[in-house]
Protein backbone atom coordinates (compact mmCIF):
# COMPACT_ATOMS: atom_id res chain seq x y z
CA MET A 1 35.15 34.39 2.61
CA ASP A 2 36.22 34.76 6.28
CA GLN A 3 38.30 31.75 6.87
CA ASN A 4 36.29 31.27 10.04
CA PHE A 5 33.34 30.50 8.30
CA SER A 6 35.19 28.21 5.55
CA LEU A 7 34.77 24.67 6.07
CA GLU A 8 38.17 23.68 4.27
CA ASN A 9 40.08 21.06 6.45
CA LYS A 10 36.56 19.60 7.48
CA GLN A 11 35.54 16.22 6.48
CA VAL A 12 31.83 15.97 7.45
CA ILE A 13 29.59 12.68 7.62
CA VAL A 14 26.13 13.59 6.54
CA THR A 15 23.13 10.97 7.20
CA GLY A 16 20.21 11.41 5.07
CA ALA A 17 22.41 12.80 2.26
CA GLY A 18 20.50 11.07 -0.74
CA GLN A 19 17.78 14.06 -0.76
CA GLY A 20 15.94 16.85 0.87
CA ILE A 21 17.87 18.88 3.86
CA GLY A 22 20.66 16.23 3.71
CA ARG A 23 21.49 16.54 -0.18
CA ALA A 24 21.35 20.18 0.45
CA LEU A 25 23.99 19.79 3.46
CA ALA A 26 26.02 18.06 1.28
CA VAL A 27 26.18 20.35 -1.32
CA GLU A 28 26.72 23.57 0.83
CA ILE A 29 29.47 21.81 2.80
CA ALA A 30 31.27 21.04 -0.23
CA ARG A 31 30.59 24.63 -1.46
CA LEU A 32 32.39 26.25 1.66
CA GLY A 33 35.42 23.87 0.87
CA GLY A 34 34.79 20.63 3.08
CA ARG A 35 34.27 17.19 2.09
CA VAL A 36 31.34 14.96 2.48
CA VAL A 37 30.94 11.36 3.71
CA ALA A 38 27.22 10.99 2.24
CA VAL A 39 25.21 8.12 3.89
CA ASP A 40 21.77 7.38 2.87
CA MET A 41 19.54 3.88 2.00
CA ASN A 42 18.84 5.55 -1.30
CA ALA A 43 21.63 4.56 -3.76
CA GLU A 44 20.83 6.25 -6.53
CA GLY A 45 20.46 9.78 -4.47
CA LEU A 46 23.94 9.19 -3.32
CA ASN A 47 25.28 8.64 -6.95
CA THR A 48 23.57 11.69 -8.11
CA LEU A 49 25.25 13.54 -5.42
CA LYS A 50 28.45 11.81 -5.86
CA ALA A 51 28.80 13.08 -9.49
CA GLU A 52 28.11 16.28 -8.85
CA LEU A 53 30.49 16.71 -6.02
CA GLY A 54 33.23 14.66 -7.51
CA ASP A 55 36.15 13.90 -5.48
CA ARG A 56 34.83 16.03 -2.63
CA CYS A 57 32.15 13.51 -1.93
CA VAL A 58 32.41 9.47 -0.88
CA SER A 59 28.97 7.78 -0.33
CA VAL A 60 28.12 4.79 1.74
CA THR A 61 24.74 2.91 1.70
CA GLY A 62 23.05 1.63 4.29
CA SER A 63 20.59 2.29 7.31
CA VAL A 64 21.68 4.32 10.26
CA THR A 65 19.93 1.63 12.59
CA ASP A 66 22.87 -0.38 11.81
CA PRO A 67 25.89 0.46 13.48
CA ALA A 68 27.96 -1.25 10.86
CA THR A 69 26.99 1.51 8.73
CA ALA A 70 28.47 4.04 11.14
CA ALA A 71 31.76 2.20 11.40
CA ALA A 72 31.75 2.01 7.27
CA ALA A 73 31.26 5.59 7.03
CA ILE A 74 34.40 6.33 9.30
CA GLU A 75 36.29 4.09 7.41
CA ALA A 76 35.30 5.59 4.09
CA GLY A 77 36.33 9.02 5.71
CA VAL A 78 39.79 7.77 6.50
CA ALA A 79 40.28 5.95 3.28
CA GLU A 80 39.45 9.02 1.18
CA PHE A 81 39.83 12.00 3.30
CA GLY A 82 42.63 11.02 5.89
CA GLY A 83 40.14 11.29 8.54
CA VAL A 84 36.60 12.72 9.55
CA ASN A 85 35.94 15.73 12.18
CA GLY A 86 32.46 16.62 11.57
CA LEU A 87 29.01 15.00 11.75
CA VAL A 88 25.29 15.86 10.86
CA ASN A 89 22.81 13.36 12.25
CA ASN A 90 19.97 14.36 9.80
CA ALA A 91 18.30 11.00 8.60
CA GLY A 92 14.83 11.14 9.56
CA ILE A 93 11.39 9.05 9.28
CA THR A 94 8.15 9.85 10.29
CA ARG A 95 5.10 7.03 11.10
CA THR A 96 2.57 9.23 12.14
CA ALA A 97 -0.63 7.56 14.41
CA MET A 98 -2.57 9.29 17.56
CA ILE A 99 -0.96 7.74 20.39
CA ASP A 100 -3.87 5.12 21.24
CA LYS A 101 -3.66 3.85 17.83
CA MET A 102 0.17 3.71 17.31
CA THR A 103 1.28 0.14 16.84
CA ILE A 104 4.76 -0.68 18.46
CA GLU A 105 6.06 -1.19 15.00
CA GLN A 106 5.82 2.52 14.32
CA TRP A 107 7.00 3.83 17.61
CA GLN A 108 10.10 1.89 17.30
CA GLN A 109 11.09 2.35 13.38
CA VAL A 110 11.03 6.39 14.52
CA ILE A 111 13.21 5.54 17.71
CA ASP A 112 15.59 3.26 15.95
CA VAL A 113 16.16 6.04 13.34
CA HIS A 114 16.21 9.33 15.13
CA LEU A 115 17.45 8.37 18.50
CA THR A 116 19.42 5.33 18.23
CA GLY A 117 20.89 5.94 14.85
CA SER A 118 22.27 9.24 15.79
CA PHE A 119 23.84 7.66 18.60
CA HIS A 120 25.42 4.91 16.59
CA PHE A 121 27.27 8.00 14.49
CA LEU A 122 27.90 10.26 17.20
CA GLN A 123 29.85 7.34 19.15
CA ALA A 124 31.72 6.13 16.16
CA LEU A 125 32.78 9.41 15.31
CA GLY A 126 33.63 10.31 19.12
CA ARG A 127 36.00 7.24 19.05
CA HIS A 128 37.43 8.00 16.33
CA LEU A 129 38.35 11.66 17.46
CA ILE A 130 39.24 10.21 20.89
CA ALA A 131 41.78 7.91 19.58
CA ARG A 132 43.24 10.47 17.61
CA SER A 133 43.65 12.89 20.39
CA LYS A 134 45.09 10.30 22.66
CA ALA A 135 47.84 9.72 19.97
CA GLY A 136 48.67 13.43 20.37
CA GLU A 137 46.87 14.93 17.41
CA LYS A 138 45.33 18.44 17.78
CA ILE A 139 41.52 18.02 16.96
CA ALA A 140 38.83 19.96 16.53
CA GLY A 141 35.30 17.98 16.11
CA SER A 142 32.04 19.16 15.84
CA ILE A 143 28.43 17.01 15.77
CA VAL A 144 25.05 18.64 14.90
CA ASN A 145 22.43 16.47 15.75
CA VAL A 146 18.97 17.46 14.06
CA SER A 147 16.29 17.54 16.85
CA SER A 148 12.97 19.40 16.47
CA ASP A 149 10.45 21.83 18.17
CA ALA A 150 8.46 18.76 18.36
CA GLY A 151 10.95 17.50 21.03
CA ARG A 152 10.32 20.48 23.16
CA ASN A 153 6.72 21.35 22.86
CA GLY A 154 5.25 18.32 21.66
CA THR A 155 3.43 17.59 18.86
CA VAL A 156 -0.14 15.63 17.43
CA GLY A 157 0.07 12.50 16.08
CA GLN A 158 3.77 11.98 16.32
CA ILE A 159 4.42 10.96 19.98
CA ASN A 160 7.38 8.79 18.76
CA TYR A 161 8.88 11.48 16.84
CA GLY A 162 8.70 13.95 19.32
CA THR A 163 9.85 11.56 21.96
CA ALA A 164 12.84 10.70 19.77
CA LYS A 165 13.76 14.17 19.33
CA ALA A 166 13.46 15.14 22.84
CA GLY A 167 16.14 12.43 23.51
CA VAL A 168 18.49 13.95 20.87
CA PHE A 169 18.73 17.08 23.06
CA GLY A 170 19.79 14.85 26.11
CA MET A 171 22.24 12.88 23.96
CA THR A 172 23.58 16.01 22.55
CA MET A 173 24.11 17.53 26.04
CA CYS A 174 25.64 14.69 27.31
CA ALA A 175 27.86 14.67 24.49
CA ALA A 176 28.91 18.09 24.58
CA ARG A 177 29.99 17.55 28.40
CA GLU A 178 32.13 14.43 28.04
CA TRP A 179 33.97 15.37 25.12
CA ALA A 180 34.82 19.31 25.34
CA ARG A 181 37.70 18.15 26.89
CA TYR A 182 38.89 16.57 23.49
CA ASN A 183 37.68 19.77 21.74
CA ILE A 184 34.67 17.83 20.49
CA ARG A 185 31.49 20.14 20.23
CA ALA A 186 28.17 19.02 20.22
CA ASN A 187 24.90 20.88 19.28
CA THR A 188 21.51 20.61 18.08
CA VAL A 189 19.71 22.42 15.42
CA GLY A 190 15.69 22.37 14.86
CA PHE A 191 14.24 23.14 11.68
CA GLY A 192 10.66 24.53 11.01
CA VAL A 193 8.56 23.39 7.90
CA VAL A 194 11.16 22.80 4.95
CA GLU A 195 10.09 22.51 1.42
CA THR A 196 11.08 18.57 0.80
CA PRO A 197 9.28 15.44 0.33
CA MET A 198 8.77 14.70 3.91
CA THR A 199 6.51 17.78 4.40
CA GLU A 200 4.67 17.45 1.34
CA VAL A 201 1.44 16.45 3.68
CA ILE A 202 1.41 19.43 6.12
CA ARG A 203 2.39 21.90 3.03
CA GLY A 204 -0.72 20.40 0.80
CA GLU A 205 -4.28 22.30 1.00
CA LYS A 206 -5.57 20.33 3.95
CA PHE A 207 -2.99 21.94 6.39
CA ARG A 208 -1.03 24.51 4.40
CA ASP A 209 -3.09 27.88 6.10
CA GLN A 210 -3.05 26.05 9.71
CA TYR A 211 0.86 25.73 9.61
CA MET A 212 1.61 28.83 7.75
CA ALA A 213 -0.37 30.83 10.25
CA LYS A 214 2.43 30.16 12.87
CA ILE A 215 5.49 31.28 11.00
CA PRO A 216 5.75 35.32 11.40
CA LEU A 217 8.44 35.16 8.11
CA GLY A 218 5.10 33.74 6.52
CA ARG A 219 6.81 31.25 3.76
CA PHE A 220 7.78 27.77 4.39
CA SER A 221 11.77 27.63 3.95
CA GLU A 222 14.15 26.17 1.42
CA PRO A 223 16.67 23.55 2.13
CA THR A 224 19.34 25.63 1.42
CA GLU A 225 18.32 27.95 4.13
CA VAL A 226 18.48 25.61 6.84
CA ALA A 227 21.49 23.98 5.93
CA ARG A 228 23.55 27.06 6.15
CA PRO A 229 23.16 27.39 10.07
CA VAL A 230 24.32 23.85 9.99
CA CYS A 231 27.44 24.84 8.31
CA PHE A 232 27.96 27.62 10.86
CA LEU A 233 27.91 25.19 13.54
CA LEU A 234 30.10 23.04 11.90
CA SER A 235 32.82 25.87 11.21
CA ASP A 236 35.30 27.47 13.32
CA ALA A 237 33.05 30.24 13.95
CA ALA A 238 31.27 28.26 16.11
CA SER A 239 34.46 27.14 18.26
CA TYR A 240 32.74 28.39 21.38
CA MET A 241 29.60 26.66 20.80
CA THR A 242 28.77 23.36 22.73
CA GLY A 243 25.82 21.81 23.85
CA GLN A 244 23.43 24.66 22.29
CA HIS A 245 20.27 24.65 20.35
CA LEU A 246 19.65 26.68 17.34
CA SER A 247 15.96 26.94 15.92
CA VAL A 248 15.82 27.87 12.32
CA ASN A 249 12.10 27.77 11.90
CA GLY A 250 11.22 31.25 10.46
CA GLY A 251 9.82 32.27 14.06
CA SER A 252 7.32 29.55 14.44
CA ALA A 253 8.83 28.76 17.88
CA ILE A 254 10.10 32.06 19.52
CA SER A 255 11.69 31.96 23.27
CA VAL A 256 14.47 33.53 24.95
């Protein structure tokens, strides 16, 4: 393996790691030599992941909406691996409703998980790495925030989700500018339709053909297919990339 693509000496927090894309990410990071601090509210999913990855994984059960969970993830990474230098803000939920029918609770739940939750973890890792840098340690940090084409193009029935994901772009670019001097990179990645429980409705009979028609590659993606590009952004192969967005969508949104 080209060592630039290896994740040896990378200790990465992955939120939403108990299932779906987050689980695939954790497995792929470990396969490439990295270690994972897996965060999720799903304790059973985390236990299964930990059993598979062994000492390459430590788990933290909690909600990303609670800043204490982010602090606990840093503490677990320090205790088990000596520190943390990577983060994938992947945790997500949907609360679907048309704009005129959306409740404030539906709005706030999605904003809290996707936007504020991502901020909690980004801030916690940034503070950890900046303190190490100021102490004289040579660091190389990488943050990958999961955004979405919904944050660039809009979406129907999910103004909460589209707004949160648009905010993730701004958050990422600000972090990229502020923290470049500490050698902390921040990028976003956006996925198309991935075969996970979260997309069961749009992959169902009612909507399947409508969504499939927009994908030039002609199929939905598997979780591992979207995990690999994230691992690239975490690796030293992407050492000169920051403040950028990587679309992994089968061509469903093509732009220059």
